[in-house]
Amino acid sequence: MEYFKKKGYSISNYRFSVVFVILSLLGISCFVLYRLQGDGDNFVLKQMIGGMLGLFAMVVVSLIDYHFICKMFIPLYLFNLLLLLICKFVDYSTFHLIYGWRHFEARRWIKIGGSGKAGSGFEFMPSEITKIVLIIFIAKLFCIFEGKLNTFIGLVICTALVAVPVFFIFDQPDLSTSIVLVATFLAVLFIAGLSYKVFFWGLVTGVPLLVGLFWYAQQDYQILFKPWQQQRILSLLHPQEYKDLMYQQNNAAAAISSGGMFGKFITGDTGKRLTDSVPVVESDFIFSAIGEEFGFFGCAVVLFIFALFVFFSFRIARKAKDRLGYLLASGVAIIITIQAAVNVGVVLSLLPNTGIPLPFVSSGLSSLVTNIATVGLLLNIGLQNKDVEIDDRYEFEKDLLSDHPKEKQLDFSDIGD
């Protein structure tokens, strides 16, 4: 409590509503994972460990002044680049302690120790760290370039600096995370003060480019996307011709449909679970398990909880005491929203299969800890909002007046005519 007083924090301004939202999603996650895990699985234990680590990190971050964190935006940016370079270029044969690691066709992980063997050592995804680092970096960058965001030089510099880590993530390959990062950058750029004129011309040029890129991705001679990435796009357009690739999404949709209005858990249906036929249902496709267990009602509740998180986040952004806090809080709200929307869109077969986890719900240590830790930025911004600043100034002025009372007025009654 002494630390709170020293920093001007008040426990009454701690956004427990946001904490409650996170705990609610974690609770739903653990329950669904408990229903999913079979003999030998430890989904719940891993999720509880990840949740506790994330909550601890969230509390620590929430007590550190976000201005101090953002002063480190260049070291954080360079450290994140170093991790991405290690992931891409360092093999176990080069350095035994920390090195890049591949699962299937994607080299997205860094392994620490483990003797270069599968199933050993500690693994994490540096792209998850990129998400929080990028929010901090662009928020600080847009504050530095305030007034220059609508100039050619300003846009080129900001875009180029963000493009470097995005390129390394795209090359892993991780198209989905790259899209999330680019979309977050563009959304925060617009919020930061991009003029409607520049935005309009961006749409005029950007939309045709996206349409052309989408067409190019379907061509046999394209070289930008990996073959399996191209096939995922084609499978969404021609599901009957790519039934094998649509297997995961088709089964996920069937599982959600089988849940009906209230789901098998609520209605007591003990029939076969269709999510048993959905690969990695505990991670990227956990929303299908929510639909089967709790039905349309459960899916609506989860989406409503995410909507609450977005509402609370933008309310914190609106009350932030400065531009930096406003951009940080907005960035957190945007990146969580985009990830949740993409995940649900994939499960419902509205988007190609991308591999984006559902924030705070999907199993996965790197994603879970990073997302929860990011919420700590929101909480710290909430502790230093405009209302707190006004109250502090009022108290200061009150103390100042009490220490320096008005001078006694001169009495001229004793002066003769």
Protein backbone atom coordinates (compact mmCIF):
# COMPACT_ATOMS: atom_id res chain seq x y z
CA MET A 1 0.00 0.00 0.00
CA GLU A 2 2.92 2.35 0.67
CA TYR A 3 4.06 1.84 -2.92
CA PHE A 4 0.59 2.79 -4.15
CA LYS A 5 0.70 6.01 -2.11
CA LYS A 6 4.19 6.83 -3.37
CA LYS A 7 3.10 6.47 -6.99
CA GLY A 8 -0.20 8.22 -6.42
CA TYR A 9 -2.15 5.01 -7.00
CA SER A 10 -5.38 4.23 -5.22
CA ILE A 11 -6.61 0.66 -4.84
CA SER A 12 -10.13 1.96 -5.53
CA ASN A 13 -9.01 2.80 -9.07
CA TYR A 14 -7.76 -0.73 -9.76
CA ARG A 15 -9.90 -2.09 -12.58
CA PHE A 16 -11.18 -5.25 -10.92
CA SER A 17 -13.86 -5.46 -13.61
CA VAL A 18 -11.12 -6.26 -16.14
CA VAL A 19 -9.57 -8.80 -13.76
CA PHE A 20 -12.97 -10.44 -13.33
CA VAL A 21 -13.35 -10.75 -17.11
CA ILE A 22 -9.96 -12.46 -17.39
CA LEU A 23 -10.74 -14.82 -14.50
CA SER A 24 -14.10 -15.67 -16.08
CA LEU A 25 -12.48 -16.65 -19.38
CA LEU A 26 -9.80 -18.63 -17.54
CA GLY A 27 -12.47 -20.45 -15.55
CA ILE A 28 -14.39 -21.36 -18.71
CA SER A 29 -11.14 -22.47 -20.31
CA CYS A 30 -10.16 -24.78 -17.44
CA PHE A 31 -13.62 -26.34 -17.29
CA VAL A 32 -13.76 -27.02 -21.04
CA LEU A 33 -10.21 -28.41 -21.01
CA TYR A 34 -11.20 -30.68 -18.12
CA ARG A 35 -14.03 -32.02 -20.24
CA LEU A 36 -11.68 -32.52 -23.19
CA GLN A 37 -8.69 -34.15 -21.57
CA GLY A 38 -8.35 -37.89 -21.64
CA ASP A 39 -6.08 -40.35 -19.90
CA GLY A 40 -2.53 -39.09 -19.85
CA ASP A 41 -3.49 -35.51 -20.81
CA ASN A 42 -2.69 -32.62 -18.48
CA PHE A 43 -4.42 -29.74 -20.25
CA VAL A 44 -5.94 -28.31 -17.08
CA LEU A 45 -2.72 -28.41 -15.08
CA LYS A 46 -0.80 -26.62 -17.83
CA GLN A 47 -3.55 -24.03 -18.19
CA MET A 48 -3.64 -23.39 -14.45
CA ILE A 49 0.13 -22.98 -14.34
CA GLY A 50 0.02 -20.64 -17.33
CA GLY A 51 -2.87 -18.72 -15.80
CA MET A 52 -1.06 -18.22 -12.48
CA LEU A 53 2.14 -17.14 -14.24
CA GLY A 54 0.14 -14.75 -16.39
CA LEU A 55 -1.77 -13.29 -13.44
CA PHE A 56 1.47 -12.77 -11.52
CA ALA A 57 2.99 -11.01 -14.54
CA MET A 58 -0.19 -8.97 -14.94
CA VAL A 59 -0.06 -7.70 -11.36
CA VAL A 60 3.65 -6.84 -11.64
CA VAL A 61 3.16 -4.98 -14.92
CA SER A 62 0.11 -3.16 -13.54
CA LEU A 63 2.25 -1.67 -10.74
CA ILE A 64 5.01 -0.44 -13.05
CA ASP A 65 4.40 3.01 -14.50
CA TYR A 66 3.64 2.53 -18.19
CA HIS A 67 5.70 5.65 -18.96
CA PHE A 68 8.75 3.86 -17.59
CA ILE A 69 7.95 0.73 -19.63
CA CYS A 70 7.58 2.78 -22.80
CA LYS A 71 10.92 4.49 -22.23
CA MET A 72 12.39 1.06 -22.91
CA PHE A 73 10.68 0.80 -26.31
CA ILE A 74 13.94 0.66 -28.27
CA PRO A 75 15.64 -2.03 -26.08
CA LEU A 76 12.41 -4.04 -26.13
CA TYR A 77 12.22 -3.74 -29.92
CA LEU A 78 15.86 -4.85 -30.36
CA PHE A 79 15.48 -7.70 -27.85
CA ASN A 80 12.44 -8.96 -29.73
CA LEU A 81 14.35 -8.79 -33.01
CA LEU A 82 17.14 -10.80 -31.41
CA LEU A 83 14.67 -13.52 -30.42
CA LEU A 84 13.25 -13.63 -33.94
CA LEU A 85 16.76 -13.89 -35.39
CA ILE A 86 17.61 -16.73 -33.00
CA CYS A 87 14.41 -18.49 -34.02
CA LYS A 88 15.34 -18.24 -37.71
CA PHE A 89 19.12 -18.69 -37.82
CA VAL A 90 20.36 -20.48 -34.68
CA ASP A 91 20.28 -24.30 -34.69
CA TYR A 92 21.13 -26.76 -31.95
CA SER A 93 24.33 -27.61 -33.82
CA THR A 94 25.35 -23.93 -33.55
CA PHE A 95 24.41 -23.22 -29.94
CA HIS A 96 23.14 -25.83 -27.48
CA LEU A 97 21.56 -23.53 -24.91
CA ILE A 98 18.99 -21.57 -26.94
CA TYR A 99 18.05 -22.23 -30.56
CA GLY A 100 15.24 -22.19 -33.08
CA TRP A 101 12.87 -25.14 -33.21
CA ARG A 102 10.52 -26.49 -35.84
CA HIS A 103 7.17 -28.25 -35.57
CA PHE A 104 5.96 -29.72 -38.85
CA GLU A 105 6.71 -27.14 -41.57
CA ALA A 106 6.90 -24.08 -39.31
CA ARG A 107 9.95 -22.83 -37.44
CA ARG A 108 8.16 -20.60 -34.92
CA TRP A 109 9.60 -21.72 -31.60
CA ILE A 110 12.69 -21.11 -29.51
CA LYS A 111 13.84 -24.03 -27.42
CA ILE A 112 15.92 -23.64 -24.28
CA GLY A 113 17.97 -26.74 -23.40
CA GLY A 114 16.51 -30.10 -24.25
CA SER A 115 19.55 -31.56 -26.04
CA GLY A 116 17.97 -30.83 -29.40
CA LYS A 117 15.33 -33.55 -28.94
CA ALA A 118 11.58 -33.37 -29.37
CA GLY A 119 9.55 -33.31 -26.17
CA SER A 120 12.44 -32.00 -24.08
CA GLY A 121 13.52 -28.56 -22.89
CA PHE A 122 11.36 -25.45 -22.69
CA GLU A 123 9.73 -23.97 -25.80
CA PHE A 124 8.10 -20.61 -26.42
CA MET A 125 7.00 -18.58 -29.43
CA PRO A 126 8.81 -15.24 -29.83
CA SER A 127 5.95 -14.06 -32.05
CA GLU A 128 3.75 -13.94 -28.94
CA ILE A 129 6.23 -11.59 -27.28
CA THR A 130 6.19 -9.51 -30.47
CA LYS A 131 2.50 -8.75 -29.90
CA ILE A 132 3.02 -6.92 -26.62
CA VAL A 133 6.33 -5.36 -27.70
CA LEU A 134 4.76 -4.04 -30.90
CA ILE A 135 1.92 -2.37 -29.00
CA ILE A 136 4.42 -0.61 -26.72
CA PHE A 137 6.66 0.30 -29.65
CA ILE A 138 4.01 1.77 -31.94
CA ALA A 139 2.30 3.66 -29.10
CA LYS A 140 5.58 5.36 -28.20
CA LEU A 141 6.54 5.80 -31.86
CA PHE A 142 3.25 7.49 -32.71
CA CYS A 143 3.72 9.85 -29.77
CA ILE A 144 7.18 10.78 -31.03
CA PHE A 145 5.87 11.28 -34.57
CA GLU A 146 2.77 13.17 -33.47
CA GLY A 147 2.05 15.73 -36.14
CA LYS A 148 4.14 13.84 -38.70
CA LEU A 149 2.00 10.74 -39.14
CA ASN A 150 0.33 12.25 -42.18
CA THR A 151 3.63 13.05 -43.90
CA PHE A 152 5.28 10.71 -46.36
CA ILE A 153 8.50 10.47 -44.34
CA GLY A 154 6.65 9.79 -41.08
CA LEU A 155 4.53 7.03 -42.59
CA VAL A 156 7.52 5.41 -44.29
CA ILE A 157 9.63 5.37 -41.11
CA CYS A 158 6.84 3.97 -38.93
CA THR A 159 5.84 1.36 -41.50
CA ALA A 160 9.44 0.25 -42.14
CA LEU A 161 10.19 -0.21 -38.42
CA VAL A 162 7.08 -2.34 -37.94
CA ALA A 163 7.69 -4.27 -41.17
CA VAL A 164 11.01 -5.71 -39.94
CA PRO A 165 9.65 -7.99 -37.16
CA VAL A 166 6.52 -8.72 -39.20
CA PHE A 167 8.70 -9.97 -42.07
CA PHE A 168 10.59 -12.42 -39.83
CA ILE A 169 7.30 -13.75 -38.45
CA PHE A 170 5.82 -14.08 -41.94
CA ASP A 171 8.95 -16.00 -42.98
CA GLN A 172 8.62 -18.59 -40.16
CA PRO A 173 6.04 -19.00 -41.80
CA ASP A 174 3.26 -17.54 -39.65
CA LEU A 175 0.85 -15.74 -41.93
CA SER A 176 -1.93 -15.42 -39.35
CA THR A 177 0.17 -13.63 -36.71
CA SER A 178 1.60 -11.38 -39.42
CA ILE A 179 -1.92 -10.37 -40.46
CA VAL A 180 -2.90 -9.69 -36.83
CA LEU A 181 0.17 -7.47 -36.31
CA VAL A 182 -0.38 -5.53 -39.55
CA ALA A 183 -4.08 -5.03 -38.79
CA THR A 184 -3.24 -3.83 -35.28
CA PHE A 185 -0.66 -1.39 -36.63
CA LEU A 186 -3.12 0.07 -39.14
CA ALA A 187 -5.92 0.36 -36.59
CA VAL A 188 -3.74 2.12 -33.99
CA LEU A 189 -2.30 4.34 -36.73
CA PHE A 190 -5.83 5.47 -37.60
CA ILE A 191 -6.65 6.10 -33.94
CA ALA A 192 -3.37 8.00 -33.50
CA GLY A 193 -4.52 10.69 -35.92
CA LEU A 194 -4.21 9.47 -39.49
CA SER A 195 -6.11 12.00 -41.58
CA TYR A 196 -9.25 10.93 -43.38
CA LYS A 197 -7.66 12.04 -46.64
CA VAL A 198 -4.71 9.68 -46.20
CA PHE A 199 -7.08 6.97 -44.97
CA PHE A 200 -9.26 7.41 -48.06
CA TRP A 201 -6.34 7.12 -50.47
CA GLY A 202 -5.08 4.17 -48.46
CA LEU A 203 -8.40 2.43 -49.07
CA VAL A 204 -8.40 3.38 -52.74
CA THR A 205 -4.99 1.78 -53.24
CA GLY A 206 -5.11 -0.89 -50.54
CA VAL A 207 -8.39 -2.61 -51.39
CA PRO A 208 -7.43 -3.34 -55.03
CA LEU A 209 -4.04 -4.56 -53.84
CA LEU A 210 -5.69 -6.95 -51.37
CA VAL A 211 -8.08 -8.20 -54.03
CA GLY A 212 -5.16 -8.69 -56.40
CA LEU A 213 -3.16 -10.49 -53.70
CA PHE A 214 -6.11 -12.76 -52.99
CA TRP A 215 -6.38 -13.58 -56.70
CA TYR A 216 -2.61 -14.10 -56.97
CA ALA A 217 -2.64 -16.51 -54.01
CA GLN A 218 -4.91 -18.84 -56.00
CA GLN A 219 -2.63 -19.09 -59.01
CA ASP A 220 -0.41 -22.10 -59.64
CA TYR A 221 2.63 -19.92 -60.34
CA GLN A 222 2.46 -17.87 -57.13
CA ILE A 223 5.62 -17.91 -54.98
CA LEU A 224 4.63 -15.67 -52.07
CA PHE A 225 2.78 -18.31 -50.03
CA LYS A 226 3.78 -21.79 -48.99
CA PRO A 227 1.86 -24.58 -50.81
CA TRP A 228 -0.11 -25.50 -47.69
CA GLN A 229 -1.01 -21.85 -47.09
CA GLN A 230 -2.32 -21.58 -50.64
CA GLN A 231 -4.31 -24.78 -50.23
CA ARG A 232 -5.99 -23.46 -47.10
CA ILE A 233 -7.21 -20.44 -49.04
CA LEU A 234 -8.42 -22.63 -51.89
CA SER A 235 -10.12 -25.04 -49.50
CA LEU A 236 -12.30 -22.25 -48.15
CA LEU A 237 -13.32 -21.24 -51.67
CA HIS A 238 -13.79 -24.81 -52.92
CA PRO A 239 -14.58 -26.97 -49.86
CA GLN A 240 -15.85 -29.90 -51.89
CA GLU A 241 -12.53 -30.21 -53.73
CA TYR A 242 -10.43 -30.00 -50.54
CA LYS A 243 -12.36 -32.17 -48.10
CA ASP A 244 -9.18 -33.41 -46.45
CA LEU A 245 -8.01 -29.87 -45.67
CA MET A 246 -11.48 -28.86 -44.46
CA TYR A 247 -11.68 -31.89 -42.18
CA GLN A 248 -10.80 -29.90 -39.04
CA GLN A 249 -13.14 -27.00 -39.75
CA ASN A 250 -16.01 -29.20 -40.92
CA ASN A 251 -15.84 -31.30 -37.76
CA ALA A 252 -15.62 -28.16 -35.63
CA ALA A 253 -18.77 -26.78 -37.27
CA ALA A 254 -20.53 -30.13 -36.74
CA ALA A 255 -19.53 -30.12 -33.06
CA ILE A 256 -20.96 -26.64 -32.54
CA SER A 257 -24.17 -27.64 -34.32
CA SER A 258 -24.53 -30.74 -32.15
CA GLY A 259 -24.55 -28.53 -29.04
CA GLY A 260 -27.88 -27.01 -30.00
CA MET A 261 -29.16 -24.17 -27.86
CA PHE A 262 -27.75 -25.14 -24.44
CA GLY A 263 -25.12 -27.78 -25.13
CA LYS A 264 -24.55 -31.34 -24.07
CA PHE A 265 -23.23 -30.53 -20.61
CA ILE A 266 -26.23 -28.42 -19.60
CA THR A 267 -28.78 -30.84 -21.08
CA GLY A 268 -26.98 -33.90 -19.71
CA ASP A 269 -26.40 -35.47 -23.13
CA THR A 270 -23.89 -38.30 -22.67
CA GLY A 271 -23.58 -39.14 -26.36
CA LYS A 272 -20.36 -39.18 -28.31
CA ARG A 273 -18.48 -35.89 -28.38
CA LEU A 274 -17.81 -34.74 -31.93
CA THR A 275 -14.90 -32.60 -30.74
CA ASP A 276 -12.97 -35.87 -30.30
CA SER A 277 -12.60 -35.74 -34.09
CA VAL A 278 -11.26 -32.17 -34.12
CA PRO A 279 -7.43 -32.03 -34.08
CA VAL A 280 -5.87 -29.65 -31.49
CA VAL A 281 -9.34 -28.86 -30.18
CA GLU A 282 -7.76 -27.79 -26.87
CA SER A 283 -5.94 -24.96 -28.62
CA ASP A 284 -6.99 -23.25 -31.84
CA PHE A 285 -10.42 -24.91 -32.00
CA ILE A 286 -11.50 -24.70 -28.37
CA PHE A 287 -14.47 -22.54 -29.39
CA SER A 288 -15.98 -25.63 -31.02
CA ALA A 289 -15.76 -27.43 -27.66
CA ILE A 290 -17.50 -24.49 -25.98
CA GLY A 291 -20.27 -24.76 -28.57
CA GLU A 292 -20.71 -28.49 -28.05
CA GLU A 293 -20.64 -28.33 -24.25
CA PHE A 294 -22.70 -25.16 -23.73
CA GLY A 295 -24.44 -24.67 -27.07
CA PHE A 296 -25.37 -21.36 -28.67
CA PHE A 297 -25.99 -19.94 -25.20
CA GLY A 298 -22.43 -20.69 -24.09
CA CYS A 299 -20.91 -19.28 -27.28
CA ALA A 300 -22.95 -16.10 -26.84
CA VAL A 301 -21.79 -15.76 -23.22
CA VAL A 302 -18.13 -16.10 -24.21
CA LEU A 303 -18.51 -13.52 -26.98
CA PHE A 304 -20.32 -11.22 -24.55
CA ILE A 305 -17.42 -11.51 -22.08
CA PHE A 306 -15.00 -10.55 -24.85
CA ALA A 307 -17.26 -7.62 -25.69
CA LEU A 308 -17.07 -6.54 -22.05
CA PHE A 309 -13.29 -6.72 -22.18
CA VAL A 310 -13.24 -4.50 -25.27
CA PHE A 311 -15.69 -2.06 -23.66
CA PHE A 312 -13.65 -1.82 -20.45
CA SER A 313 -10.42 -1.45 -22.44
CA PHE A 314 -11.68 1.44 -24.56
CA ARG A 315 -13.18 3.09 -21.48
CA ILE A 316 -9.74 2.97 -19.88
CA ALA A 317 -8.30 4.38 -23.11
CA ARG A 318 -10.82 7.21 -23.14
CA LYS A 319 -9.95 8.15 -19.56
CA ALA A 320 -6.19 7.82 -20.01
CA LYS A 321 -4.38 10.90 -18.76
CA ASP A 322 -2.21 11.28 -21.87
CA ARG A 323 -1.83 10.29 -25.51
CA LEU A 324 0.57 7.45 -24.69
CA GLY A 325 -1.87 5.76 -22.33
CA TYR A 326 -4.69 6.24 -24.84
CA LEU A 327 -2.75 4.54 -27.63
CA LEU A 328 -1.49 1.72 -25.38
CA ALA A 329 -4.96 0.85 -24.06
CA SER A 330 -6.44 1.07 -27.55
CA GLY A 331 -3.70 -1.19 -28.91
CA VAL A 332 -4.37 -3.84 -26.26
CA ALA A 333 -8.11 -3.76 -26.99
CA ILE A 334 -7.54 -3.98 -30.75
CA ILE A 335 -5.05 -6.86 -30.78
CA ILE A 336 -7.20 -8.98 -28.43
CA THR A 337 -10.29 -8.22 -30.50
CA ILE A 338 -8.61 -9.15 -33.78
CA GLN A 339 -7.27 -12.44 -32.39
CA ALA A 340 -10.67 -13.41 -30.97
CA ALA A 341 -12.48 -12.48 -34.19
CA VAL A 342 -10.03 -14.43 -36.37
CA ASN A 343 -10.18 -17.49 -34.13
CA VAL A 344 -13.98 -17.61 -34.09
CA GLY A 345 -14.07 -16.89 -37.83
CA VAL A 346 -11.82 -19.88 -38.52
CA VAL A 347 -13.87 -22.22 -36.32
CA LEU A 348 -17.05 -21.13 -38.09
CA SER A 349 -15.35 -21.64 -41.51
CA LEU A 350 -15.67 -17.96 -42.33
CA LEU A 351 -11.90 -17.61 -42.67
CA PRO A 352 -9.08 -19.93 -43.81
CA ASN A 353 -7.51 -22.07 -41.12
CA THR A 354 -4.88 -19.79 -39.58
CA GLY A 355 -3.76 -21.18 -36.23
CA ILE A 356 -4.62 -18.16 -34.06
CA PRO A 357 -5.52 -19.10 -30.45
CA LEU A 358 -8.56 -17.71 -28.64
CA PRO A 359 -7.10 -15.23 -26.10
CA PHE A 360 -7.28 -16.31 -22.43
CA VAL A 361 -9.11 -19.51 -23.40
CA SER A 362 -6.98 -21.64 -25.74
CA SER A 363 -4.36 -23.95 -24.30
CA GLY A 364 -0.84 -22.67 -24.95
CA LEU A 365 1.63 -21.30 -22.42
CA SER A 366 3.26 -18.57 -24.55
CA SER A 367 -0.01 -17.08 -25.76
CA LEU A 368 -1.77 -17.31 -22.40
CA VAL A 369 0.99 -15.73 -20.32
CA THR A 370 1.65 -12.97 -22.86
CA ASN A 371 -2.00 -12.01 -23.28
CA ILE A 372 -2.65 -11.87 -19.55
CA ALA A 373 0.56 -9.93 -18.93
CA THR A 374 -0.53 -7.42 -21.58
CA VAL A 375 -3.65 -6.72 -19.53
CA GLY A 376 -1.30 -5.36 -16.85
CA LEU A 377 -0.69 -2.36 -19.12
CA LEU A 378 -4.43 -1.66 -19.13
CA LEU A 379 -4.63 -1.85 -15.36
CA ASN A 380 -1.71 0.54 -14.89
CA ILE A 381 -3.23 3.04 -17.32
CA GLY A 382 -6.48 2.76 -15.37
CA LEU A 383 -4.63 3.59 -12.15
CA GLN A 384 -3.44 6.86 -13.70
CA ASN A 385 -6.56 8.08 -15.46
CA LYS A 386 -7.79 11.65 -15.88
CA ASP A 387 -10.04 11.49 -12.83
CA VAL A 388 -7.13 10.48 -10.62
CA GLU A 389 -5.01 13.28 -12.05
CA ILE A 390 -7.75 15.85 -11.33
CA ASP A 391 -8.24 14.58 -7.80
CA ASP A 392 -4.51 14.71 -7.15
CA ARG A 393 -4.31 18.28 -8.46
CA TYR A 394 -7.27 19.28 -6.30
CA GLU A 395 -5.66 17.82 -3.21
CA PHE A 396 -2.40 19.59 -4.04
CA GLU A 397 -4.11 22.96 -4.44
CA LYS A 398 -6.05 22.44 -1.23
CA ASP A 399 -2.87 21.69 0.69
CA LEU A 400 -1.16 24.67 -0.90
CA LEU A 401 -3.92 27.03 0.16
CA SER A 402 -3.95 25.66 3.70
CA ASP A 403 -0.20 26.21 4.05
CA HIS A 404 -0.35 29.71 2.61
CA PRO A 405 -3.55 31.41 3.84
CA LYS A 406 -4.66 34.65 2.30
CA GLU A 407 -2.90 37.65 3.67
CA LYS A 408 -4.84 39.62 6.22
CA GLN A 409 -6.55 42.59 4.63
CA LEU A 410 -5.25 45.99 5.66
CA ASP A 411 -7.38 47.82 8.19
CA PHE A 412 -7.53 51.57 7.48
CA SER A 413 -9.91 52.34 10.33
CA ASP A 414 -7.14 53.66 12.55
CA ILE A 415 -5.95 56.22 10.00
CA GLY A 416 -7.23 59.66 10.69
CA ASP A 417 -8.81 62.03 8.26
